[in-house]
Amino acid sequence: MELIDTERITLHLHDKYFGISNFQDSPDWKSFGVIGPTVNDNALSRIEYILGETTQKKNDTQRVLKVLERHSKEINIENSITDDILLDIKNVDYLKEAISTTVKCLHPNNQTSPLNFELNIESRDNQFKINTGLNLVDSSGKKLNFEMNDALFSVVNTRYNINVASQLNCDMALDEVCSSLIIHSFNDLSSHSNDSHKQISNFNEHILNGRNIRSSINNGHKTLTDFLLVLDKSDMFREWTLGQNKDANLISEYINAISKESWFEGVPVKSFKWLFFQGLGTVIDMNGGNGVGSALSNMTLSAMDTFLLDNLSKGWKPNSFVNLELKPFVQ
């Protein structure tokens, strides 16, 4: 406490509980949550309770609290951190890294390769069930105990430290497990970023014939206003790309998507088009079209007619956006 009272250290306290709990009726299932403060509960009141229970010295407890009140600040932990932590827990590769490093720290004499095990994660809302065939033994063949909660708490602490460090713009003092998880996260982020760049470059090269949006704007062929119009029509294409597996090849998935046969492709196309526009013409005439609808039914389908018919009969495909919006923009 003397060091804190020198004003060389500032303590940042938060008033939320992080917890992982098991269900009594289903012990294999766990839940994670963040509990906020109650009316009479905050970080200092919890410290007062803990010190009172452990030291049983009221005067010492009050002296410590006065020091903490002078040299501590509150830090806000958003409840959204729960979603981030749950995503970390449900990430198989990330959790495997947590388990592997935790095992190495707790059982340095373990003879089993920690990564050579199957990991299956079931989830429902903020609840999850982790199944693993991890079997740890020492050099004598004796089985070693391992608690999954040890690895899970490392996942929680890592996300918490990242959150706090980003708010305070400070360094992090981490144990070996948390350090390993942060390195794993940034390596994964860097790899994903590089892969995305390659995927976009290959898509431009093979689908857009080597052209791209940036060049079209920079050479004056198109303007930023033109781009915003295309962007407004890109929602379905964007949703389609986000729906692909992160390890998938974008070009292969694109070709597969546009090659899928729909119910419409099993029907004689000319007959269906004639029936569709004959019916459309009849509806127009019935509503006072004065023969315009009949004339329409005999017209050759325009590009927009074809696009409309494709979307009605076959459903949306990614080449709808590419052919009608993206390619004209970059050419």
C-alpha atoms as a PDB file:
ATOM      1  CA  MET A   1       0.000   0.000   0.000  1.00  0.00           C
ATOM      2  CA  GLU A   2       2.962   2.298   0.558  1.00  0.00           C
ATOM      3  CA  LEU A   3       3.844   2.045  -3.135  1.00  0.00           C
ATOM      4  CA  ILE A   4       0.302   2.957  -4.167  1.00  0.00           C
ATOM      5  CA  ASP A   5       0.308   5.893  -1.735  1.00  0.00           C
ATOM      6  CA  THR A   6       3.379   7.370  -3.477  1.00  0.00           C
ATOM      7  CA  GLU A   7       1.073   8.299  -6.400  1.00  0.00           C
ATOM      8  CA  ARG A   8       3.359   6.468  -8.826  1.00  0.00           C
ATOM      9  CA  ILE A   9       0.628   3.929  -9.502  1.00  0.00           C
ATOM     10  CA  THR A  10      -3.003   4.450 -10.479  1.00  0.00           C
ATOM     11  CA  LEU A  11      -5.413   1.588  -9.924  1.00  0.00           C
ATOM     12  CA  HIS A  12      -8.313   1.132 -12.335  1.00  0.00           C
ATOM     13  CA  LEU A  13     -11.265  -0.708 -10.846  1.00  0.00           C
ATOM     14  CA  HIS A  14     -14.339  -2.092 -12.566  1.00  0.00           C
ATOM     15  CA  ASP A  15     -17.576  -3.144 -10.913  1.00  0.00           C
ATOM     16  CA  LYS A  16     -18.594  -6.194 -12.931  1.00  0.00           C
ATOM     17  CA  TYR A  17     -18.339  -9.890 -12.167  1.00  0.00           C
ATOM     18  CA  PHE A  18     -17.125 -12.353 -14.803  1.00  0.00           C
ATOM     19  CA  GLY A  19     -18.230 -15.895 -14.186  1.00  0.00           C
ATOM     20  CA  ILE A  20     -18.407 -19.383 -15.646  1.00  0.00           C
ATOM     21  CA  SER A  21     -20.864 -21.711 -13.959  1.00  0.00           C
ATOM     22  CA  ASN A  22     -22.019 -25.306 -14.301  1.00  0.00           C
ATOM     23  CA  PHE A  23     -25.639 -26.465 -14.247  1.00  0.00           C
ATOM     24  CA  GLN A  24     -26.579 -28.817 -11.437  1.00  0.00           C
ATOM     25  CA  ASP A  25     -29.027 -30.782 -13.578  1.00  0.00           C
ATOM     26  CA  SER A  26     -26.644 -30.824 -16.585  1.00  0.00           C
ATOM     27  CA  PRO A  27     -23.069 -30.670 -15.224  1.00  0.00           C
ATOM     28  CA  ASP A  28     -21.540 -30.971 -18.710  1.00  0.00           C
ATOM     29  CA  TRP A  29     -23.112 -27.645 -19.711  1.00  0.00           C
ATOM     30  CA  LYS A  30     -21.569 -24.340 -18.673  1.00  0.00           C
ATOM     31  CA  SER A  31     -22.671 -20.734 -18.962  1.00  0.00           C
ATOM     32  CA  PHE A  32     -20.764 -17.477 -19.053  1.00  0.00           C
ATOM     33  CA  GLY A  33     -22.027 -14.080 -18.021  1.00  0.00           C
ATOM     34  CA  VAL A  34     -21.182 -10.588 -16.831  1.00  0.00           C
ATOM     35  CA  ILE A  35     -23.056  -9.310 -13.799  1.00  0.00           C
ATOM     36  CA  GLY A  36     -23.229  -5.585 -13.180  1.00  0.00           C
ATOM     37  CA  PRO A  37     -23.226  -3.821  -9.810  1.00  0.00           C
ATOM     38  CA  THR A  38     -26.232  -3.623  -7.524  1.00  0.00           C
ATOM     39  CA  VAL A  39     -27.276  -0.499  -5.607  1.00  0.00           C
ATOM     40  CA  ASN A  40     -25.000  -1.227  -2.643  1.00  0.00           C
ATOM     41  CA  ASP A  41     -22.290  -3.081  -4.521  1.00  0.00           C
ATOM     42  CA  ASN A  42     -19.247  -1.720  -6.341  1.00  0.00           C
ATOM     43  CA  ALA A  43     -15.561  -2.528  -6.683  1.00  0.00           C
ATOM     44  CA  LEU A  44     -14.534  -0.846  -3.412  1.00  0.00           C
ATOM     45  CA  SER A  45     -17.353  -2.462  -1.409  1.00  0.00           C
ATOM     46  CA  ARG A  46     -16.250  -5.879  -2.712  1.00  0.00           C
ATOM     47  CA  ILE A  47     -12.644  -5.150  -1.708  1.00  0.00           C
ATOM     48  CA  GLU A  48     -13.875  -4.086   1.725  1.00  0.00           C
ATOM     49  CA  TYR A  49     -15.790  -7.355   2.079  1.00  0.00           C
ATOM     50  CA  ILE A  50     -12.846  -9.517   0.988  1.00  0.00           C
ATOM     51  CA  LEU A  51     -10.365  -7.733   3.261  1.00  0.00           C
ATOM     52  CA  GLY A  52     -12.781  -7.900   6.177  1.00  0.00           C
ATOM     53  CA  GLU A  53     -13.267 -11.648   5.708  1.00  0.00           C
ATOM     54  CA  THR A  54      -9.569 -12.438   5.282  1.00  0.00           C
ATOM     55  CA  THR A  55      -7.886 -10.110   7.791  1.00  0.00           C
ATOM     56  CA  GLN A  56     -10.637  -9.648  10.396  1.00  0.00           C
ATOM     57  CA  LYS A  57      -8.998  -6.275  11.122  1.00  0.00           C
ATOM     58  CA  LYS A  58     -11.448  -3.430  10.600  1.00  0.00           C
ATOM     59  CA  ASN A  59      -8.911  -0.614  11.108  1.00  0.00           C
ATOM     60  CA  ASP A  60      -6.482  -2.054   8.537  1.00  0.00           C
ATOM     61  CA  THR A  61      -9.323  -2.544   6.098  1.00  0.00           C
ATOM     62  CA  GLN A  62     -10.448   1.072   6.407  1.00  0.00           C
ATOM     63  CA  ARG A  63      -6.880   2.322   5.974  1.00  0.00           C
ATOM     64  CA  VAL A  64      -6.491   0.343   2.744  1.00  0.00           C
ATOM     65  CA  LEU A  65      -9.834   1.582   1.429  1.00  0.00           C
ATOM     66  CA  LYS A  66      -8.872   5.211   2.022  1.00  0.00           C
ATOM     67  CA  VAL A  67      -5.680   4.730   0.025  1.00  0.00           C
ATOM     68  CA  LEU A  68      -7.590   3.049  -2.798  1.00  0.00           C
ATOM     69  CA  GLU A  69     -10.186   5.823  -2.873  1.00  0.00           C
ATOM     70  CA  ARG A  70      -7.419   8.417  -3.323  1.00  0.00           C
ATOM     71  CA  HIS A  71      -5.496   6.583  -6.019  1.00  0.00           C
ATOM     72  CA  SER A  72      -8.052   4.610  -8.015  1.00  0.00           C
ATOM     73  CA  LYS A  73     -10.272   5.376 -10.978  1.00  0.00           C
ATOM     74  CA  GLU A  74     -13.289   3.581 -12.353  1.00  0.00           C
ATOM     75  CA  ILE A  75     -13.126   1.868 -15.718  1.00  0.00           C
ATOM     76  CA  ASN A  76     -16.211   0.944 -17.689  1.00  0.00           C
ATOM     77  CA  ILE A  77     -16.494  -2.585 -19.064  1.00  0.00           C
ATOM     78  CA  GLU A  78     -19.235  -2.785 -21.695  1.00  0.00           C
ATOM     79  CA  ASN A  79     -21.671  -5.690 -21.413  1.00  0.00           C
ATOM     80  CA  SER A  80     -20.933  -6.455 -25.081  1.00  0.00           C
ATOM     81  CA  ILE A  81     -17.699  -8.074 -23.918  1.00  0.00           C
ATOM     82  CA  THR A  82     -19.863 -11.119 -23.144  1.00  0.00           C
ATOM     83  CA  ASP A  83     -20.514 -11.676 -26.856  1.00  0.00           C
ATOM     84  CA  ASP A  84     -16.797 -11.374 -27.658  1.00  0.00           C
ATOM     85  CA  ILE A  85     -15.832 -13.857 -24.951  1.00  0.00           C
ATOM     86  CA  LEU A  86     -18.459 -16.364 -26.072  1.00  0.00           C
ATOM     87  CA  LEU A  87     -17.150 -16.133 -29.640  1.00  0.00           C
ATOM     88  CA  ASP A  88     -13.639 -16.812 -28.304  1.00  0.00           C
ATOM     89  CA  ILE A  89     -14.848 -19.849 -26.360  1.00  0.00           C
ATOM     90  CA  LYS A  90     -16.701 -21.246 -29.387  1.00  0.00           C
ATOM     91  CA  ASN A  91     -13.642 -20.819 -31.639  1.00  0.00           C
ATOM     92  CA  VAL A  92     -12.203 -24.363 -31.769  1.00  0.00           C
ATOM     93  CA  ASP A  93      -8.654 -23.395 -32.827  1.00  0.00           C
ATOM     94  CA  TYR A  94      -8.490 -20.619 -30.243  1.00  0.00           C
ATOM     95  CA  LEU A  95      -9.758 -22.827 -27.419  1.00  0.00           C
ATOM     96  CA  LYS A  96      -7.329 -25.566 -28.423  1.00  0.00           C
ATOM     97  CA  GLU A  97      -4.503 -23.052 -28.087  1.00  0.00           C
ATOM     98  CA  ALA A  98      -5.801 -22.086 -24.631  1.00  0.00           C
ATOM     99  CA  ILE A  99      -5.987 -25.730 -23.541  1.00  0.00           C
ATOM    100  CA  SER A 100      -2.574 -26.564 -24.975  1.00  0.00           C
ATOM    101  CA  THR A 101      -0.789 -23.668 -23.269  1.00  0.00           C
ATOM    102  CA  THR A 102      -2.650 -24.198 -19.986  1.00  0.00           C
ATOM    103  CA  VAL A 103      -1.621 -27.856 -19.951  1.00  0.00           C
ATOM    104  CA  LYS A 104       1.993 -26.911 -20.670  1.00  0.00           C
ATOM    105  CA  CYS A 105       2.011 -24.442 -17.759  1.00  0.00           C
ATOM    106  CA  LEU A 106       0.243 -26.641 -15.214  1.00  0.00           C
ATOM    107  CA  HIS A 107       1.798 -29.967 -16.238  1.00  0.00           C
ATOM    108  CA  PRO A 108       5.270 -29.429 -17.746  1.00  0.00           C
ATOM    109  CA  ASN A 109       5.943 -33.184 -17.408  1.00  0.00           C
ATOM    110  CA  ASN A 110       2.933 -34.155 -19.485  1.00  0.00           C
ATOM    111  CA  GLN A 111       3.907 -36.748 -22.111  1.00  0.00           C
ATOM    112  CA  THR A 112       0.784 -36.362 -24.269  1.00  0.00           C
ATOM    113  CA  SER A 113       0.827 -33.833 -27.098  1.00  0.00           C
ATOM    114  CA  PRO A 114      -1.894 -31.391 -25.984  1.00  0.00           C
ATOM    115  CA  LEU A 115      -3.009 -30.578 -29.528  1.00  0.00           C
ATOM    116  CA  ASN A 116      -3.588 -34.198 -30.531  1.00  0.00           C
ATOM    117  CA  PHE A 117      -7.187 -34.384 -29.374  1.00  0.00           C
ATOM    118  CA  GLU A 118     -10.636 -33.872 -30.762  1.00  0.00           C
ATOM    119  CA  LEU A 119     -12.543 -30.846 -29.545  1.00  0.00           C
ATOM    120  CA  ASN A 120     -16.278 -30.476 -30.037  1.00  0.00           C
ATOM    121  CA  ILE A 121     -18.234 -27.458 -28.841  1.00  0.00           C
ATOM    122  CA  GLU A 122     -22.016 -27.387 -28.598  1.00  0.00           C
ATOM    123  CA  SER A 123     -23.708 -24.074 -27.864  1.00  0.00           C
ATOM    124  CA  ARG A 124     -27.075 -22.504 -27.141  1.00  0.00           C
ATOM    125  CA  ASP A 125     -27.279 -18.782 -26.398  1.00  0.00           C
ATOM    126  CA  ASN A 126     -24.722 -18.037 -23.648  1.00  0.00           C
ATOM    127  CA  GLN A 127     -24.398 -21.721 -22.747  1.00  0.00           C
ATOM    128  CA  PHE A 128     -21.926 -24.233 -24.109  1.00  0.00           C
ATOM    129  CA  LYS A 129     -20.773 -27.812 -23.727  1.00  0.00           C
ATOM    130  CA  ILE A 130     -17.200 -28.809 -24.447  1.00  0.00           C
ATOM    131  CA  ASN A 131     -16.333 -32.400 -25.304  1.00  0.00           C
ATOM    132  CA  THR A 132     -12.721 -33.493 -25.561  1.00  0.00           C
ATOM    133  CA  GLY A 133     -10.852 -36.756 -25.522  1.00  0.00           C
ATOM    134  CA  LEU A 134      -7.843 -35.137 -23.864  1.00  0.00           C
ATOM    135  CA  ASN A 135      -5.962 -37.720 -21.800  1.00  0.00           C
ATOM    136  CA  LEU A 136      -2.896 -36.453 -19.948  1.00  0.00           C
ATOM    137  CA  VAL A 137      -0.233 -38.715 -18.438  1.00  0.00           C
ATOM    138  CA  ASP A 138       3.219 -38.088 -16.963  1.00  0.00           C
ATOM    139  CA  SER A 139       6.429 -39.967 -17.740  1.00  0.00           C
ATOM    140  CA  SER A 140       5.406 -42.813 -15.417  1.00  0.00           C
ATOM    141  CA  GLY A 141       2.011 -43.176 -17.084  1.00  0.00           C
ATOM    142  CA  LYS A 142       0.128 -41.606 -14.193  1.00  0.00           C
ATOM    143  CA  LYS A 143      -2.970 -39.684 -15.238  1.00  0.00           C
ATOM    144  CA  LEU A 144      -2.824 -35.929 -14.715  1.00  0.00           C
ATOM    145  CA  ASN A 145      -5.831 -33.870 -13.683  1.00  0.00           C
ATOM    146  CA  PHE A 146      -6.977 -31.032 -15.899  1.00  0.00           C
ATOM    147  CA  GLU A 147      -9.863 -28.653 -15.269  1.00  0.00           C
ATOM    148  CA  MET A 148     -11.412 -27.120 -18.390  1.00  0.00           C
ATOM    149  CA  ASN A 149     -12.282 -24.013 -16.366  1.00  0.00           C
ATOM    150  CA  ASP A 150      -8.558 -23.204 -16.087  1.00  0.00           C
ATOM    151  CA  ALA A 151      -8.371 -22.792 -19.860  1.00  0.00           C
ATOM    152  CA  LEU A 152     -11.722 -21.008 -20.011  1.00  0.00           C
ATOM    153  CA  PHE A 153     -10.679 -18.425 -17.425  1.00  0.00           C
ATOM    154  CA  SER A 154      -7.561 -17.729 -19.497  1.00  0.00           C
ATOM    155  CA  VAL A 155      -9.820 -17.026 -22.487  1.00  0.00           C
ATOM    156  CA  VAL A 156     -11.908 -14.653 -20.345  1.00  0.00           C
ATOM    157  CA  ASN A 157      -8.845 -12.878 -18.903  1.00  0.00           C
ATOM    158  CA  THR A 158      -7.300 -12.441 -22.337  1.00  0.00           C
ATOM    159  CA  ARG A 159     -10.372 -10.730 -23.772  1.00  0.00           C
ATOM    160  CA  TYR A 160     -10.692  -8.613 -20.629  1.00  0.00           C
ATOM    161  CA  ASN A 161      -7.057  -7.487 -20.862  1.00  0.00           C
ATOM    162  CA  ILE A 162      -7.426  -6.585 -24.528  1.00  0.00           C
ATOM    163  CA  ASN A 163     -10.538  -4.562 -23.696  1.00  0.00           C
ATOM    164  CA  VAL A 164      -8.875  -2.666 -20.834  1.00  0.00           C
ATOM    165  CA  ALA A 165      -5.610  -2.051 -22.699  1.00  0.00           C
ATOM    166  CA  SER A 166      -7.485  -0.590 -25.661  1.00  0.00           C
ATOM    167  CA  GLN A 167      -9.379   1.797 -23.366  1.00  0.00           C
ATOM    168  CA  LEU A 168      -6.358   2.948 -21.367  1.00  0.00           C
ATOM    169  CA  ASN A 169      -3.846   2.790 -24.236  1.00  0.00           C
ATOM    170  CA  CYS A 170      -1.452   0.881 -22.011  1.00  0.00           C
ATOM    171  CA  ASP A 171       0.730  -2.202 -21.971  1.00  0.00           C
ATOM    172  CA  MET A 172      -0.479  -5.524 -20.627  1.00  0.00           C
ATOM    173  CA  ALA A 173       1.184  -7.605 -17.905  1.00  0.00           C
ATOM    174  CA  LEU A 174       0.121 -11.113 -18.910  1.00  0.00           C
ATOM    175  CA  ASP A 175       0.810 -14.675 -17.906  1.00  0.00           C
ATOM    176  CA  GLU A 176       2.087 -17.206 -20.431  1.00  0.00           C
ATOM    177  CA  VAL A 177      -1.361 -18.474 -21.434  1.00  0.00           C
ATOM    178  CA  CYS A 178      -2.844 -15.024 -22.104  1.00  0.00           C
ATOM    179  CA  SER A 179       0.279 -13.966 -24.020  1.00  0.00           C
ATOM    180  CA  SER A 180       0.033 -17.075 -26.178  1.00  0.00           C
ATOM    181  CA  LEU A 181      -3.653 -16.414 -26.908  1.00  0.00           C
ATOM    182  CA  ILE A 182      -3.022 -12.798 -27.911  1.00  0.00           C
ATOM    183  CA  ILE A 183      -0.220 -13.855 -30.252  1.00  0.00           C
ATOM    184  CA  HIS A 184      -2.526 -16.525 -31.705  1.00  0.00           C
ATOM    185  CA  SER A 185      -5.284 -13.926 -32.227  1.00  0.00           C
ATOM    186  CA  PHE A 186      -3.072 -11.439 -34.023  1.00  0.00           C
ATOM    187  CA  ASN A 187      -1.447 -14.129 -36.167  1.00  0.00           C
ATOM    188  CA  ASP A 188      -4.907 -15.358 -37.138  1.00  0.00           C
ATOM    189  CA  LEU A 189      -6.026 -11.784 -37.881  1.00  0.00           C
ATOM    190  CA  SER A 190      -2.955 -11.132 -40.014  1.00  0.00           C
ATOM    191  CA  SER A 191      -3.392 -14.397 -41.896  1.00  0.00           C
ATOM    192  CA  HIS A 192      -7.077 -13.678 -42.508  1.00  0.00           C
ATOM    193  CA  SER A 193      -6.265 -10.159 -43.763  1.00  0.00           C
ATOM    194  CA  ASN A 194      -3.637 -11.463 -46.185  1.00  0.00           C
ATOM    195  CA  ASP A 195      -5.974 -14.184 -47.407  1.00  0.00           C
ATOM    196  CA  SER A 196      -8.786 -11.677 -47.994  1.00  0.00           C
ATOM    197  CA  HIS A 197      -6.441  -9.502 -50.040  1.00  0.00           C
ATOM    198  CA  LYS A 198      -5.452 -12.484 -52.193  1.00  0.00           C
ATOM    199  CA  GLN A 199      -9.079 -13.561 -52.640  1.00  0.00           C
ATOM    200  CA  ILE A 200     -10.127 -10.082 -53.811  1.00  0.00           C
ATOM    201  CA  SER A 201      -7.117  -9.815 -56.122  1.00  0.00           C
ATOM    202  CA  ASN A 202      -7.858 -13.221 -57.694  1.00  0.00           C
ATOM    203  CA  PHE A 203     -11.554 -12.357 -58.072  1.00  0.00           C
ATOM    204  CA  ASN A 204     -10.674  -9.127 -59.878  1.00  0.00           C
ATOM    205  CA  GLU A 205      -8.206 -10.925 -62.110  1.00  0.00           C
ATOM    206  CA  HIS A 206     -10.391 -13.851 -63.180  1.00  0.00           C
ATOM    207  CA  ILE A 207     -13.975 -12.585 -62.865  1.00  0.00           C
ATOM    208  CA  LEU A 208     -13.509  -8.885 -63.656  1.00  0.00           C
ATOM    209  CA  ASN A 209     -10.801  -9.444 -66.297  1.00  0.00           C
ATOM    210  CA  GLY A 210      -8.073  -7.778 -64.265  1.00  0.00           C
ATOM    211  CA  ARG A 211     -10.044  -4.627 -63.519  1.00  0.00           C
ATOM    212  CA  ASN A 212     -10.985  -3.223 -60.121  1.00  0.00           C
ATOM    213  CA  ILE A 213     -13.066  -0.490 -58.496  1.00  0.00           C
ATOM    214  CA  ARG A 214     -10.129   1.613 -57.314  1.00  0.00           C
ATOM    215  CA  SER A 215      -8.623   1.943 -60.793  1.00  0.00           C
ATOM    216  CA  SER A 216     -11.977   2.912 -62.313  1.00  0.00           C
ATOM    217  CA  ILE A 217     -12.268   5.814 -59.867  1.00  0.00           C
ATOM    218  CA  ASN A 218      -8.609   6.869 -59.979  1.00  0.00           C
ATOM    219  CA  ASN A 219      -8.479   7.038 -63.799  1.00  0.00           C
ATOM    220  CA  GLY A 220     -11.640   9.155 -63.887  1.00  0.00           C
ATOM    221  CA  HIS A 221     -13.779   6.536 -65.620  1.00  0.00           C
ATOM    222  CA  LYS A 222     -16.155   6.561 -62.647  1.00  0.00           C
ATOM    223  CA  THR A 223     -16.756   8.872 -59.686  1.00  0.00           C
ATOM    224  CA  LEU A 224     -17.268   8.256 -56.004  1.00  0.00           C
ATOM    225  CA  THR A 225     -20.938   9.104 -56.513  1.00  0.00           C
ATOM    226  CA  ASP A 226     -21.147   6.340 -59.128  1.00  0.00           C
ATOM    227  CA  PHE A 227     -19.552   3.952 -56.646  1.00  0.00           C
ATOM    228  CA  LEU A 228     -22.093   4.801 -53.948  1.00  0.00           C
ATOM    229  CA  LEU A 229     -24.904   3.892 -56.349  1.00  0.00           C
ATOM    230  CA  VAL A 230     -23.305   0.488 -56.910  1.00  0.00           C
ATOM    231  CA  LEU A 231     -22.723   0.107 -53.182  1.00  0.00           C
ATOM    232  CA  ASP A 232     -26.430   0.668 -52.509  1.00  0.00           C
ATOM    233  CA  LYS A 233     -27.203  -2.362 -54.662  1.00  0.00           C
ATOM    234  CA  SER A 234     -24.528  -4.636 -53.203  1.00  0.00           C
ATOM    235  CA  ASP A 235     -26.265  -5.820 -50.005  1.00  0.00           C
ATOM    236  CA  MET A 236     -27.185  -9.289 -51.268  1.00  0.00           C
ATOM    237  CA  PHE A 237     -23.728  -9.819 -52.792  1.00  0.00           C
ATOM    238  CA  ARG A 238     -22.100  -8.708 -49.544  1.00  0.00           C
ATOM    239  CA  GLU A 239     -24.295 -11.067 -47.523  1.00  0.00           C
ATOM    240  CA  TRP A 240     -23.370 -13.882 -49.884  1.00  0.00           C
ATOM    241  CA  THR A 241     -19.614 -13.259 -49.458  1.00  0.00           C
ATOM    242  CA  LEU A 242     -19.955 -13.026 -45.662  1.00  0.00           C
ATOM    243  CA  GLY A 243     -21.802 -16.332 -45.692  1.00  0.00           C
ATOM    244  CA  GLN A 244     -18.848 -18.192 -47.168  1.00  0.00           C
ATOM    245  CA  ASN A 245     -16.508 -20.215 -44.993  1.00  0.00           C
ATOM    246  CA  LYS A 246     -13.397 -18.206 -44.112  1.00  0.00           C
ATOM    247  CA  ASP A 247     -11.217 -20.940 -45.644  1.00  0.00           C
ATOM    248  CA  ALA A 248     -13.257 -21.197 -48.854  1.00  0.00           C
ATOM    249  CA  ASN A 249     -11.982 -20.181 -52.279  1.00  0.00           C
ATOM    250  CA  LEU A 250     -14.128 -17.224 -53.344  1.00  0.00           C
ATOM    251  CA  ILE A 251     -13.877 -17.911 -57.082  1.00  0.00           C
ATOM    252  CA  SER A 252     -14.785 -21.587 -56.649  1.00  0.00           C
ATOM    253  CA  GLU A 253     -17.755 -20.684 -54.447  1.00  0.00           C
ATOM    254  CA  TYR A 254     -18.853 -18.061 -56.984  1.00  0.00           C
ATOM    255  CA  ILE A 255     -18.748 -20.548 -59.856  1.00  0.00           C
ATOM    256  CA  ASN A 256     -20.598 -23.150 -57.771  1.00  0.00           C
ATOM    257  CA  ALA A 257     -23.277 -20.626 -56.838  1.00  0.00           C
ATOM    258  CA  ILE A 258     -23.976 -19.464 -60.380  1.00  0.00           C
ATOM    259  CA  SER A 259     -23.908 -23.021 -61.691  1.00  0.00           C
ATOM    260  CA  LYS A 260     -26.540 -24.386 -59.334  1.00  0.00           C
ATOM    261  CA  GLU A 261     -29.642 -25.565 -61.173  1.00  0.00           C
ATOM    262  CA  SER A 262     -32.971 -24.198 -59.974  1.00  0.00           C
ATOM    263  CA  TRP A 263     -36.485 -25.526 -60.467  1.00  0.00           C
ATOM    264  CA  PHE A 264     -36.892 -23.088 -63.384  1.00  0.00           C
ATOM    265  CA  GLU A 265     -34.058 -24.658 -65.358  1.00  0.00           C
ATOM    266  CA  GLY A 266     -36.043 -27.866 -65.676  1.00  0.00           C
ATOM    267  CA  VAL A 267     -38.919 -26.040 -67.429  1.00  0.00           C
ATOM    268  CA  PRO A 268     -38.903 -25.131 -71.162  1.00  0.00           C
ATOM    269  CA  VAL A 269     -37.559 -21.581 -70.952  1.00  0.00           C
ATOM    270  CA  LYS A 270     -39.263 -20.119 -74.035  1.00  0.00           C
ATOM    271  CA  SER A 271     -42.649 -21.460 -72.948  1.00  0.00           C
ATOM    272  CA  PHE A 272     -42.267 -20.055 -69.467  1.00  0.00           C
ATOM    273  CA  LYS A 273     -41.167 -16.635 -70.709  1.00  0.00           C
ATOM    274  CA  TRP A 274     -44.093 -16.510 -73.151  1.00  0.00           C
ATOM    275  CA  LEU A 275     -46.592 -17.476 -70.439  1.00  0.00           C
ATOM    276  CA  PHE A 276     -45.104 -14.985 -67.999  1.00  0.00           C
ATOM    277  CA  PHE A 277     -45.242 -11.989 -70.291  1.00  0.00           C
ATOM    278  CA  GLN A 278     -48.544 -13.072 -71.898  1.00  0.00           C
ATOM    279  CA  GLY A 279     -50.000 -13.092 -68.396  1.00  0.00           C
ATOM    280  CA  LEU A 280     -48.380  -9.742 -67.629  1.00  0.00           C
ATOM    281  CA  GLY A 281     -49.868  -8.270 -70.826  1.00  0.00           C
ATOM    282  CA  THR A 282     -53.334  -9.546 -69.927  1.00  0.00           C
ATOM    283  CA  VAL A 283     -53.122  -7.926 -66.493  1.00  0.00           C
ATOM    284  CA  ILE A 284     -52.113  -4.592 -68.048  1.00  0.00           C
ATOM    285  CA  ASP A 285     -54.996  -4.718 -70.562  1.00  0.00           C
ATOM    286  CA  MET A 286     -57.469  -5.590 -67.800  1.00  0.00           C
ATOM    287  CA  ASN A 287     -56.384  -2.472 -65.955  1.00  0.00           C
ATOM    288  CA  GLY A 288     -56.955  -0.107 -68.868  1.00  0.00           C
ATOM    289  CA  GLY A 289     -53.819  -0.691 -70.871  1.00  0.00           C
ATOM    290  CA  ASN A 290     -55.723  -0.343 -74.220  1.00  0.00           C
ATOM    291  CA  GLY A 291     -53.798  -3.111 -75.943  1.00  0.00           C
ATOM    292  CA  VAL A 292     -50.400  -2.092 -74.607  1.00  0.00           C
ATOM    293  CA  GLY A 293     -50.209  -5.288 -72.604  1.00  0.00           C
ATOM    294  CA  SER A 294     -50.856  -7.459 -75.679  1.00  0.00           C
ATOM    295  CA  ALA A 295     -48.131  -5.649 -77.568  1.00  0.00           C
ATOM    296  CA  LEU A 296     -45.750  -6.138 -74.653  1.00  0.00           C
ATOM    297  CA  SER A 297     -46.276  -9.880 -74.689  1.00  0.00           C
ATOM    298  CA  ASN A 298     -44.969 -10.046 -78.275  1.00  0.00           C
ATOM    299  CA  MET A 299     -41.866  -7.959 -77.652  1.00  0.00           C
ATOM    300  CA  THR A 300     -38.365  -9.381 -77.342  1.00  0.00           C
ATOM    301  CA  LEU A 301     -37.178  -9.480 -73.749  1.00  0.00           C
ATOM    302  CA  SER A 302     -34.909  -6.613 -72.869  1.00  0.00           C
ATOM    303  CA  ALA A 303     -31.929  -7.030 -70.543  1.00  0.00           C
ATOM    304  CA  MET A 304     -33.968  -5.752 -67.620  1.00  0.00           C
ATOM    305  CA  ASP A 305     -36.839  -8.128 -68.449  1.00  0.00           C
ATOM    306  CA  THR A 306     -34.398 -11.005 -68.419  1.00  0.00           C
ATOM    307  CA  PHE A 307     -32.949  -9.878 -65.123  1.00  0.00           C
ATOM    308  CA  LEU A 308     -36.422  -9.572 -63.594  1.00  0.00           C
ATOM    309  CA  LEU A 309     -37.451 -12.987 -64.847  1.00  0.00           C
ATOM    310  CA  ASP A 310     -34.240 -14.584 -63.609  1.00  0.00           C
ATOM    311  CA  ASN A 311     -34.780 -13.199 -60.113  1.00  0.00           C
ATOM    312  CA  LEU A 312     -38.438 -14.222 -60.014  1.00  0.00           C
ATOM    313  CA  SER A 313     -37.967 -17.715 -61.341  1.00  0.00           C
ATOM    314  CA  LYS A 314     -34.499 -18.781 -60.279  1.00  0.00           C
ATOM    315  CA  GLY A 315     -33.771 -16.679 -57.218  1.00  0.00           C
ATOM    316  CA  TRP A 316     -30.837 -14.357 -56.708  1.00  0.00           C
ATOM    317  CA  LYS A 317     -27.344 -15.433 -57.697  1.00  0.00           C
ATOM    318  CA  PRO A 318     -24.085 -13.512 -57.175  1.00  0.00           C
ATOM    319  CA  ASN A 319     -23.541 -13.013 -60.915  1.00  0.00           C
ATOM    320  CA  SER A 320     -26.701 -10.875 -60.983  1.00  0.00           C
ATOM    321  CA  PHE A 321     -24.827  -8.135 -59.149  1.00  0.00           C
ATOM    322  CA  VAL A 322     -21.499  -8.798 -60.863  1.00  0.00           C
ATOM    323  CA  ASN A 323     -22.880  -8.689 -64.421  1.00  0.00           C
ATOM    324  CA  LEU A 324     -25.351  -5.836 -64.015  1.00  0.00           C
ATOM    325  CA  GLU A 325     -23.523  -3.552 -61.583  1.00  0.00           C
ATOM    326  CA  LEU A 326     -19.898  -4.453 -60.939  1.00  0.00           C
ATOM    327  CA  LYS A 327     -18.627  -5.233 -64.445  1.00  0.00           C
ATOM    328  CA  PRO A 328     -20.158  -2.110 -66.056  1.00  0.00           C
ATOM    329  CA  PHE A 329     -18.546  -0.035 -63.314  1.00  0.00           C
ATOM    330  CA  VAL A 330     -15.002  -1.343 -63.812  1.00  0.00           C
ATOM    331  CA  GLN A 331     -15.060  -1.540 -67.634  1.00  0.00           C
END
